[in-house]
Amino acid sequence: MSYEEYLTVCSGGDPIPEDEFAFYDKKAAALLSLFTFGRSEDSDDEAVKYARAEIAGYIFENGGRRGIASESNDGLSVSYEGDCDAGAYAIAKQWLGGGGMMYPGVDCCDN
């Protein structure tokens, strides 16, 4: 996905800076490939573009503090509320969950 294409589909929040975009886009593409069993890699589906852009933004916004709900500065106390992959999966499921792209099985009836 190009940066210009990302800007047309991203929504909410500040966009990823152009000089950092390639890193977050690759991470988002890799996660989408994992979640869709490789089906998203060559897809031109608009939902895949929106999912990829939203996941890239999610990773960018949560980078460095992924899953940390609270910290204490007078000791070593950190509380976690989940991991970044779980949030990215929820985004992918929102965009792609109903179309079969995230189905873990094999479609044996293709003609």
C-alpha atoms as a PDB file:
ATOM      1  CA  MET A   1       0.000   0.000   0.000  1.00  0.00           C
ATOM      2  CA  SER A   2       1.367   3.419  -0.868  1.00  0.00           C
ATOM      3  CA  TYR A   3       1.359   6.276   1.615  1.00  0.00           C
ATOM      4  CA  GLU A   4      -1.095   8.203  -0.565  1.00  0.00           C
ATOM      5  CA  GLU A   5      -3.459   5.234  -0.612  1.00  0.00           C
ATOM      6  CA  TYR A   6      -3.130   4.937   3.165  1.00  0.00           C
ATOM      7  CA  LEU A   7      -4.104   8.585   3.589  1.00  0.00           C
ATOM      8  CA  THR A   8      -7.267   8.054   1.542  1.00  0.00           C
ATOM      9  CA  VAL A   9      -8.465   5.113   3.657  1.00  0.00           C
ATOM     10  CA  CYS A  10      -7.217   5.992   7.151  1.00  0.00           C
ATOM     11  CA  SER A  11      -9.708   7.530   9.499  1.00  0.00           C
ATOM     12  CA  GLY A  12      -9.522   9.058  12.929  1.00  0.00           C
ATOM     13  CA  GLY A  13      -6.476  10.153  14.836  1.00  0.00           C
ATOM     14  CA  ASP A  14      -3.280  11.502  13.416  1.00  0.00           C
ATOM     15  CA  PRO A  15      -1.943   9.650  10.378  1.00  0.00           C
ATOM     16  CA  ILE A  16       1.352   7.791  10.559  1.00  0.00           C
ATOM     17  CA  PRO A  17       4.199  10.103   9.479  1.00  0.00           C
ATOM     18  CA  GLU A  18       5.349   9.304   5.951  1.00  0.00           C
ATOM     19  CA  ASP A  19       8.920   8.495   7.020  1.00  0.00           C
ATOM     20  CA  GLU A  20       7.631   5.823   9.450  1.00  0.00           C
ATOM     21  CA  PHE A  21       4.803   4.439   7.328  1.00  0.00           C
ATOM     22  CA  ALA A  22       6.686   1.631   5.540  1.00  0.00           C
ATOM     23  CA  PHE A  23       7.590  -0.059   8.848  1.00  0.00           C
ATOM     24  CA  TYR A  24       4.033  -0.046  10.232  1.00  0.00           C
ATOM     25  CA  ASP A  25       2.517  -0.998   6.874  1.00  0.00           C
ATOM     26  CA  LYS A  26       4.768  -4.079   6.661  1.00  0.00           C
ATOM     27  CA  LYS A  27       3.834  -5.111  10.188  1.00  0.00           C
ATOM     28  CA  ALA A  28       0.139  -4.660   9.389  1.00  0.00           C
ATOM     29  CA  ALA A  29       0.458  -6.636   6.140  1.00  0.00           C
ATOM     30  CA  ALA A  30       2.260  -9.464   7.969  1.00  0.00           C
ATOM     31  CA  LEU A  31      -0.413  -9.644  10.665  1.00  0.00           C
ATOM     32  CA  LEU A  32      -3.208  -9.603   8.074  1.00  0.00           C
ATOM     33  CA  SER A  33      -1.497 -12.404   6.187  1.00  0.00           C
ATOM     34  CA  LEU A  34      -1.282 -14.398   9.395  1.00  0.00           C
ATOM     35  CA  PHE A  35      -4.923 -13.754  10.310  1.00  0.00           C
ATOM     36  CA  THR A  36      -6.178 -14.589   6.784  1.00  0.00           C
ATOM     37  CA  PHE A  37      -3.919 -17.582   6.145  1.00  0.00           C
ATOM     38  CA  GLY A  38      -2.240 -15.715   3.278  1.00  0.00           C
ATOM     39  CA  ARG A  39      -5.494 -14.796   1.523  1.00  0.00           C
ATOM     40  CA  SER A  40      -4.988 -11.053   2.006  1.00  0.00           C
ATOM     41  CA  GLU A  41      -1.605 -10.913   0.280  1.00  0.00           C
ATOM     42  CA  ASP A  42      -2.829 -10.558  -3.305  1.00  0.00           C
ATOM     43  CA  SER A  43      -6.287  -9.201  -2.560  1.00  0.00           C
ATOM     44  CA  ASP A  44      -7.585  -5.966  -4.061  1.00  0.00           C
ATOM     45  CA  ASP A  45     -10.600  -6.040  -1.749  1.00  0.00           C
ATOM     46  CA  GLU A  46     -11.387  -2.610  -0.273  1.00  0.00           C
ATOM     47  CA  ALA A  47     -12.016  -4.192   3.131  1.00  0.00           C
ATOM     48  CA  VAL A  48      -8.436  -5.524   3.145  1.00  0.00           C
ATOM     49  CA  LYS A  49      -7.111  -2.012   2.471  1.00  0.00           C
ATOM     50  CA  TYR A  50      -9.180  -0.537   5.281  1.00  0.00           C
ATOM     51  CA  ALA A  51      -8.150  -3.311   7.679  1.00  0.00           C
ATOM     52  CA  ARG A  52      -4.486  -2.900   6.766  1.00  0.00           C
ATOM     53  CA  ALA A  53      -4.589   0.880   7.222  1.00  0.00           C
ATOM     54  CA  GLU A  54      -6.426   0.630  10.538  1.00  0.00           C
ATOM     55  CA  ILE A  55      -4.071  -2.053  11.867  1.00  0.00           C
ATOM     56  CA  ALA A  56      -1.027   0.010  10.840  1.00  0.00           C
ATOM     57  CA  GLY A  57      -2.471   3.006  12.689  1.00  0.00           C
ATOM     58  CA  TYR A  58      -3.306   0.864  15.703  1.00  0.00           C
ATOM     59  CA  ILE A  59       0.240  -0.486  15.911  1.00  0.00           C
ATOM     60  CA  PHE A  60       1.659   3.034  15.461  1.00  0.00           C
ATOM     61  CA  GLU A  61      -0.553   4.497  18.200  1.00  0.00           C
ATOM     62  CA  ASN A  62       0.152   1.656  20.630  1.00  0.00           C
ATOM     63  CA  GLY A  63       3.850   1.169  19.881  1.00  0.00           C
ATOM     64  CA  GLY A  64       6.090   1.018  22.917  1.00  0.00           C
ATOM     65  CA  ARG A  65       3.198   0.644  25.377  1.00  0.00           C
ATOM     66  CA  ARG A  66       1.430  -2.310  23.805  1.00  0.00           C
ATOM     67  CA  GLY A  67      -1.041  -3.810  26.194  1.00  0.00           C
ATOM     68  CA  ILE A  68       0.136  -1.858  29.243  1.00  0.00           C
ATOM     69  CA  ALA A  69      -2.873  -0.706  31.253  1.00  0.00           C
ATOM     70  CA  SER A  70      -0.990   0.913  34.164  1.00  0.00           C
ATOM     71  CA  GLU A  71       2.490   1.398  35.577  1.00  0.00           C
ATOM     72  CA  SER A  72       3.922   2.522  38.909  1.00  0.00           C
ATOM     73  CA  ASN A  73       7.003   4.701  39.174  1.00  0.00           C
ATOM     74  CA  ASP A  74       7.842   3.842  42.807  1.00  0.00           C
ATOM     75  CA  GLY A  75       8.460   0.198  42.199  1.00  0.00           C
ATOM     76  CA  LEU A  76       8.320  -2.398  39.507  1.00  0.00           C
ATOM     77  CA  SER A  77       4.589  -2.759  38.937  1.00  0.00           C
ATOM     78  CA  VAL A  78       3.056  -3.085  35.473  1.00  0.00           C
ATOM     79  CA  SER A  79      -0.482  -4.236  34.638  1.00  0.00           C
ATOM     80  CA  TYR A  80      -1.291  -5.636  31.210  1.00  0.00           C
ATOM     81  CA  GLU A  81      -4.697  -5.642  29.558  1.00  0.00           C
ATOM     82  CA  GLY A  82      -3.958  -7.675  26.455  1.00  0.00           C
ATOM     83  CA  ASP A  83      -1.506  -7.704  23.601  1.00  0.00           C
ATOM     84  CA  CYS A  84      -1.260  -5.724  20.401  1.00  0.00           C
ATOM     85  CA  ASP A  85      -1.939  -8.790  18.258  1.00  0.00           C
ATOM     86  CA  ALA A  86      -5.313  -9.254  19.954  1.00  0.00           C
ATOM     87  CA  GLY A  87      -6.287  -5.675  19.119  1.00  0.00           C
ATOM     88  CA  ALA A  88      -5.085  -6.063  15.540  1.00  0.00           C
ATOM     89  CA  TYR A  89      -7.033  -9.323  15.237  1.00  0.00           C
ATOM     90  CA  ALA A  90     -10.194  -7.574  16.438  1.00  0.00           C
ATOM     91  CA  ILE A  91      -9.734  -4.926  13.740  1.00  0.00           C
ATOM     92  CA  ALA A  92      -9.189  -7.577  11.048  1.00  0.00           C
ATOM     93  CA  LYS A  93     -12.249  -9.491  12.231  1.00  0.00           C
ATOM     94  CA  GLN A  94     -14.351  -6.339  12.061  1.00  0.00           C
ATOM     95  CA  TRP A  95     -13.396  -5.731   8.418  1.00  0.00           C
ATOM     96  CA  LEU A  96     -12.932  -9.285   7.130  1.00  0.00           C
ATOM     97  CA  GLY A  97     -14.729 -11.643   9.503  1.00  0.00           C
ATOM     98  CA  GLY A  98     -17.876 -12.117   7.461  1.00  0.00           C
ATOM     99  CA  GLY A  99     -16.429 -12.804   4.039  1.00  0.00           C
ATOM    100  CA  GLY A 100     -14.628 -16.075   4.603  1.00  0.00           C
ATOM    101  CA  MET A 101     -11.158 -14.567   4.313  1.00  0.00           C
ATOM    102  CA  MET A 102     -10.399 -15.421   7.945  1.00  0.00           C
ATOM    103  CA  TYR A 103     -11.884 -18.919   7.732  1.00  0.00           C
ATOM    104  CA  PRO A 104      -9.237 -21.395   8.934  1.00  0.00           C
ATOM    105  CA  GLY A 105     -10.491 -24.309   6.873  1.00  0.00           C
ATOM    106  CA  VAL A 106     -10.147 -25.282   3.241  1.00  0.00           C
ATOM    107  CA  ASP A 107     -12.841 -24.687   0.646  1.00  0.00           C
ATOM    108  CA  CYS A 108     -12.973 -28.024  -1.146  1.00  0.00           C
ATOM    109  CA  CYS A 109     -15.869 -27.129  -3.415  1.00  0.00           C
ATOM    110  CA  ASP A 110     -14.234 -24.555  -5.715  1.00  0.00           C
ATOM    111  CA  ASN A 111     -15.054 -25.181  -9.344  1.00  0.00           C
END
